[in-house]
Amino acid sequence: MALRASLKLPTGDSDQLHGSGSMDFSLWVTASDDWKLEVGHFTLFGAAGIMAMTDGKVLQEQRRNLVGFGGLGVGWSPLRWIAFKIQTNAHTSFYRDSELREVNANSAQLTVGGTLAFSNQTTLDIGVSEDLIVQTAPDVVFHFALRHRF
């Protein structure tokens, strides 16, 4: 279990929509546990937190200053070189008083995928995300991450 914090400073140009103009502070807790099975191991992981934001410069009158977020997932690794994962992430709405569902609704996404280990230092994550609450996130997202630890 870990307690995490993050501070985002308003460094982008909000006039060009390269940032919100807001200073954001997040505080969240993460936890995971792992169980050895006859075939590999099983992992359960999750996180929950809150983000506090200043008014910023984008849709100031409609912005919510507190947003909750979290995620929950499971993974199963039957062999050392492969792991299957499924995860859901969600957050409350960042804005209010809009008829646009994309702006005014809570959001949740489901990601299904896994990790291939080419060596102890090199892995490839592959995933596909789908919006569980329709029209609140991109419909489909493909995720690829090649990692190498030095």
C-alpha atoms as a PDB file:
ATOM      1  CA  MET A   1       0.000   0.000   0.000  1.00  0.00           C
ATOM      2  CA  ALA A   2       1.263   3.490  -0.803  1.00  0.00           C
ATOM      3  CA  LEU A   3       0.064   7.061  -0.348  1.00  0.00           C
ATOM      4  CA  ARG A   4       0.873   9.216  -3.377  1.00  0.00           C
ATOM      5  CA  ALA A   5       0.668  12.933  -4.148  1.00  0.00           C
ATOM      6  CA  SER A   6       1.038  15.024  -7.286  1.00  0.00           C
ATOM      7  CA  LEU A   7       1.242  18.749  -8.023  1.00  0.00           C
ATOM      8  CA  LYS A   8       0.590  20.129 -11.534  1.00  0.00           C
ATOM      9  CA  LEU A   9       1.638  23.688 -12.240  1.00  0.00           C
ATOM     10  CA  PRO A  10      -0.059  25.830 -14.936  1.00  0.00           C
ATOM     11  CA  THR A  11       2.808  25.850 -17.454  1.00  0.00           C
ATOM     12  CA  GLY A  12       0.826  25.356 -20.682  1.00  0.00           C
ATOM     13  CA  ASP A  13      -0.789  28.028 -22.843  1.00  0.00           C
ATOM     14  CA  SER A  14      -4.491  27.765 -21.992  1.00  0.00           C
ATOM     15  CA  ASP A  15      -5.400  30.224 -24.802  1.00  0.00           C
ATOM     16  CA  GLN A  16      -4.148  27.557 -27.236  1.00  0.00           C
ATOM     17  CA  LEU A  17      -5.748  24.751 -25.119  1.00  0.00           C
ATOM     18  CA  HIS A  18      -2.256  23.465 -24.279  1.00  0.00           C
ATOM     19  CA  GLY A  19      -3.164  23.484 -20.593  1.00  0.00           C
ATOM     20  CA  SER A  20      -6.031  24.364 -18.290  1.00  0.00           C
ATOM     21  CA  GLY A  21      -4.390  27.301 -16.528  1.00  0.00           C
ATOM     22  CA  SER A  22      -5.151  25.535 -13.260  1.00  0.00           C
ATOM     23  CA  MET A  23      -2.848  24.409 -10.484  1.00  0.00           C
ATOM     24  CA  ASP A  24      -3.893  20.883  -9.459  1.00  0.00           C
ATOM     25  CA  PHE A  25      -3.063  18.832  -6.373  1.00  0.00           C
ATOM     26  CA  SER A  26      -3.876  15.117  -6.175  1.00  0.00           C
ATOM     27  CA  LEU A  27      -3.727  12.734  -3.239  1.00  0.00           C
ATOM     28  CA  TRP A  28      -4.448   9.039  -3.628  1.00  0.00           C
ATOM     29  CA  VAL A  29      -3.832   5.631  -2.150  1.00  0.00           C
ATOM     30  CA  THR A  30      -2.712   2.581  -4.148  1.00  0.00           C
ATOM     31  CA  ALA A  31      -2.613  -1.038  -3.049  1.00  0.00           C
ATOM     32  CA  SER A  32      -1.927  -4.443  -4.529  1.00  0.00           C
ATOM     33  CA  ASP A  33      -1.587  -8.028  -3.435  1.00  0.00           C
ATOM     34  CA  ASP A  34      -0.233 -11.096  -5.174  1.00  0.00           C
ATOM     35  CA  TRP A  35      -1.109 -14.771  -4.685  1.00  0.00           C
ATOM     36  CA  LYS A  36       0.907 -17.727  -5.908  1.00  0.00           C
ATOM     37  CA  LEU A  37      -1.203 -20.284  -7.766  1.00  0.00           C
ATOM     38  CA  GLU A  38      -0.461 -23.760  -9.031  1.00  0.00           C
ATOM     39  CA  VAL A  39      -0.107 -22.134 -12.436  1.00  0.00           C
ATOM     40  CA  GLY A  40       1.624 -18.747 -12.068  1.00  0.00           C
ATOM     41  CA  HIS A  41       0.313 -16.003  -9.845  1.00  0.00           C
ATOM     42  CA  PHE A  42      -2.733 -13.728  -9.510  1.00  0.00           C
ATOM     43  CA  THR A  43      -2.583 -10.015  -8.659  1.00  0.00           C
ATOM     44  CA  LEU A  44      -5.306  -7.628  -7.475  1.00  0.00           C
ATOM     45  CA  PHE A  45      -4.554  -3.895  -7.576  1.00  0.00           C
ATOM     46  CA  GLY A  46      -6.454  -0.677  -7.032  1.00  0.00           C
ATOM     47  CA  ALA A  47      -6.298   3.049  -6.371  1.00  0.00           C
ATOM     48  CA  ALA A  48      -8.620   5.800  -5.135  1.00  0.00           C
ATOM     49  CA  GLY A  49      -8.087   9.498  -4.680  1.00  0.00           C
ATOM     50  CA  ILE A  50      -9.163  13.083  -5.032  1.00  0.00           C
ATOM     51  CA  MET A  51      -7.876  15.992  -7.116  1.00  0.00           C
ATOM     52  CA  ALA A  52      -8.276  19.626  -6.047  1.00  0.00           C
ATOM     53  CA  MET A  53      -7.988  22.263  -8.790  1.00  0.00           C
ATOM     54  CA  THR A  54      -7.983  26.034  -8.972  1.00  0.00           C
ATOM     55  CA  ASP A  55     -10.457  27.679 -11.377  1.00  0.00           C
ATOM     56  CA  GLY A  56      -8.011  27.805 -14.284  1.00  0.00           C
ATOM     57  CA  LYS A  57      -8.762  29.583 -17.548  1.00  0.00           C
ATOM     58  CA  VAL A  58     -10.815  26.990 -19.463  1.00  0.00           C
ATOM     59  CA  LEU A  59     -14.578  26.963 -18.754  1.00  0.00           C
ATOM     60  CA  GLN A  60     -13.984  28.678 -15.398  1.00  0.00           C
ATOM     61  CA  GLU A  61     -17.664  29.088 -14.536  1.00  0.00           C
ATOM     62  CA  GLN A  62     -18.411  25.405 -15.141  1.00  0.00           C
ATOM     63  CA  ARG A  63     -15.298  23.836 -13.633  1.00  0.00           C
ATOM     64  CA  ARG A  64     -15.600  21.616 -10.578  1.00  0.00           C
ATOM     65  CA  ASN A  65     -12.777  22.186  -8.127  1.00  0.00           C
ATOM     66  CA  LEU A  66     -12.844  18.649  -6.673  1.00  0.00           C
ATOM     67  CA  VAL A  67     -12.782  15.434  -8.713  1.00  0.00           C
ATOM     68  CA  GLY A  68     -12.697  11.880  -7.426  1.00  0.00           C
ATOM     69  CA  PHE A  69     -10.893   9.119  -9.305  1.00  0.00           C
ATOM     70  CA  GLY A  70      -9.982   5.482  -8.943  1.00  0.00           C
ATOM     71  CA  GLY A  71      -9.225   2.205 -10.576  1.00  0.00           C
ATOM     72  CA  LEU A  72      -9.391  -1.518  -9.939  1.00  0.00           C
ATOM     73  CA  GLY A  73      -7.725  -4.340 -11.811  1.00  0.00           C
ATOM     74  CA  VAL A  74      -6.605  -7.946 -11.819  1.00  0.00           C
ATOM     75  CA  GLY A  75      -3.727  -9.726 -13.470  1.00  0.00           C
ATOM     76  CA  TRP A  76      -2.794 -13.350 -14.021  1.00  0.00           C
ATOM     77  CA  SER A  77       0.639 -14.526 -15.066  1.00  0.00           C
ATOM     78  CA  PRO A  78       0.650 -18.245 -15.933  1.00  0.00           C
ATOM     79  CA  LEU A  79       4.276 -18.119 -17.126  1.00  0.00           C
ATOM     80  CA  ARG A  80       7.259 -15.864 -16.422  1.00  0.00           C
ATOM     81  CA  TRP A  81       7.103 -14.240 -19.877  1.00  0.00           C
ATOM     82  CA  ILE A  82       3.366 -13.410 -20.143  1.00  0.00           C
ATOM     83  CA  ALA A  83       0.704 -11.698 -17.997  1.00  0.00           C
ATOM     84  CA  PHE A  84      -2.964 -11.034 -18.762  1.00  0.00           C
ATOM     85  CA  LYS A  85      -4.585  -7.935 -17.248  1.00  0.00           C
ATOM     86  CA  ILE A  86      -7.997  -6.297 -17.010  1.00  0.00           C
ATOM     87  CA  GLN A  87      -8.535  -2.914 -15.388  1.00  0.00           C
ATOM     88  CA  THR A  88     -11.232  -0.286 -14.988  1.00  0.00           C
ATOM     89  CA  ASN A  89     -10.573   3.418 -14.314  1.00  0.00           C
ATOM     90  CA  ALA A  90     -13.151   6.063 -13.479  1.00  0.00           C
ATOM     91  CA  HIS A  91     -13.475   9.686 -12.427  1.00  0.00           C
ATOM     92  CA  THR A  92     -16.232  12.110 -11.536  1.00  0.00           C
ATOM     93  CA  SER A  93     -17.099  14.959 -13.901  1.00  0.00           C
ATOM     94  CA  PHE A  94     -14.657  17.866 -14.238  1.00  0.00           C
ATOM     95  CA  TYR A  95     -17.439  20.276 -15.317  1.00  0.00           C
ATOM     96  CA  ARG A  96     -21.116  21.072 -14.572  1.00  0.00           C
ATOM     97  CA  ASP A  97     -24.038  22.882 -16.195  1.00  0.00           C
ATOM     98  CA  SER A  98     -23.500  21.580 -19.719  1.00  0.00           C
ATOM     99  CA  GLU A  99     -25.858  19.683 -21.990  1.00  0.00           C
ATOM    100  CA  LEU A 100     -22.838  17.915 -23.519  1.00  0.00           C
ATOM    101  CA  ARG A 101     -22.409  14.440 -22.014  1.00  0.00           C
ATOM    102  CA  GLU A 102     -18.729  14.546 -23.027  1.00  0.00           C
ATOM    103  CA  VAL A 103     -18.221  17.504 -20.667  1.00  0.00           C
ATOM    104  CA  ASN A 104     -20.799  17.004 -17.924  1.00  0.00           C
ATOM    105  CA  ALA A 105     -20.716  13.274 -17.041  1.00  0.00           C
ATOM    106  CA  ASN A 106     -18.714  10.903 -14.920  1.00  0.00           C
ATOM    107  CA  SER A 107     -16.422   8.651 -16.952  1.00  0.00           C
ATOM    108  CA  ALA A 108     -15.286   5.026 -16.790  1.00  0.00           C
ATOM    109  CA  GLN A 109     -13.047   3.007 -19.082  1.00  0.00           C
ATOM    110  CA  LEU A 110     -12.206  -0.700 -19.265  1.00  0.00           C
ATOM    111  CA  THR A 111      -8.755  -1.807 -20.439  1.00  0.00           C
ATOM    112  CA  VAL A 112      -7.951  -5.395 -21.426  1.00  0.00           C
ATOM    113  CA  GLY A 113      -4.468  -6.539 -22.369  1.00  0.00           C
ATOM    114  CA  GLY A 114      -1.250  -7.887 -21.017  1.00  0.00           C
ATOM    115  CA  THR A 115       2.510  -7.858 -20.864  1.00  0.00           C
ATOM    116  CA  LEU A 116       5.068  -9.868 -22.827  1.00  0.00           C
ATOM    117  CA  ALA A 117       8.527 -10.168 -21.258  1.00  0.00           C
ATOM    118  CA  PHE A 118      11.297 -10.502 -23.831  1.00  0.00           C
ATOM    119  CA  SER A 119      13.922 -10.563 -21.053  1.00  0.00           C
ATOM    120  CA  ASN A 120      14.216  -9.510 -17.396  1.00  0.00           C
ATOM    121  CA  GLN A 121      14.812  -5.927 -18.605  1.00  0.00           C
ATOM    122  CA  THR A 122      12.583  -5.627 -21.707  1.00  0.00           C
ATOM    123  CA  THR A 123       8.770  -5.884 -21.767  1.00  0.00           C
ATOM    124  CA  LEU A 124       5.937  -4.948 -24.115  1.00  0.00           C
ATOM    125  CA  ASP A 125       2.542  -3.866 -22.737  1.00  0.00           C
ATOM    126  CA  ILE A 126      -0.418  -4.202 -25.103  1.00  0.00           C
ATOM    127  CA  GLY A 127      -3.951  -3.049 -24.275  1.00  0.00           C
ATOM    128  CA  VAL A 128      -7.291  -1.972 -25.699  1.00  0.00           C
ATOM    129  CA  SER A 129      -9.548   0.465 -23.803  1.00  0.00           C
ATOM    130  CA  GLU A 130     -13.278   0.956 -24.250  1.00  0.00           C
ATOM    131  CA  ASP A 131     -15.506   3.651 -22.744  1.00  0.00           C
ATOM    132  CA  LEU A 132     -17.906   1.990 -20.282  1.00  0.00           C
ATOM    133  CA  ILE A 133     -19.946   5.175 -19.926  1.00  0.00           C
ATOM    134  CA  VAL A 134     -20.502   5.972 -23.601  1.00  0.00           C
ATOM    135  CA  GLN A 135     -19.434   9.389 -24.955  1.00  0.00           C
ATOM    136  CA  THR A 136     -17.364  10.291 -21.884  1.00  0.00           C
ATOM    137  CA  ALA A 137     -13.978   9.091 -23.191  1.00  0.00           C
ATOM    138  CA  PRO A 138     -12.541   8.029 -26.537  1.00  0.00           C
ATOM    139  CA  ASP A 139     -14.528   5.064 -27.875  1.00  0.00           C
ATOM    140  CA  VAL A 140     -11.512   2.802 -28.404  1.00  0.00           C
ATOM    141  CA  VAL A 141      -7.862   3.347 -27.456  1.00  0.00           C
ATOM    142  CA  PHE A 142      -4.937   1.099 -28.367  1.00  0.00           C
ATOM    143  CA  HIS A 143      -2.025   1.081 -25.913  1.00  0.00           C
ATOM    144  CA  PHE A 144       1.514  -0.104 -26.658  1.00  0.00           C
ATOM    145  CA  ALA A 145       4.476   0.469 -24.324  1.00  0.00           C
ATOM    146  CA  LEU A 146       7.908  -0.997 -24.933  1.00  0.00           C
ATOM    147  CA  ARG A 147      10.030  -0.741 -21.771  1.00  0.00           C
ATOM    148  CA  HIS A 148      13.675  -1.432 -21.134  1.00  0.00           C
ATOM    149  CA  ARG A 149      15.247  -1.106 -17.676  1.00  0.00           C
ATOM    150  CA  PHE A 150      18.889  -0.100 -17.626  1.00  0.00           C
END
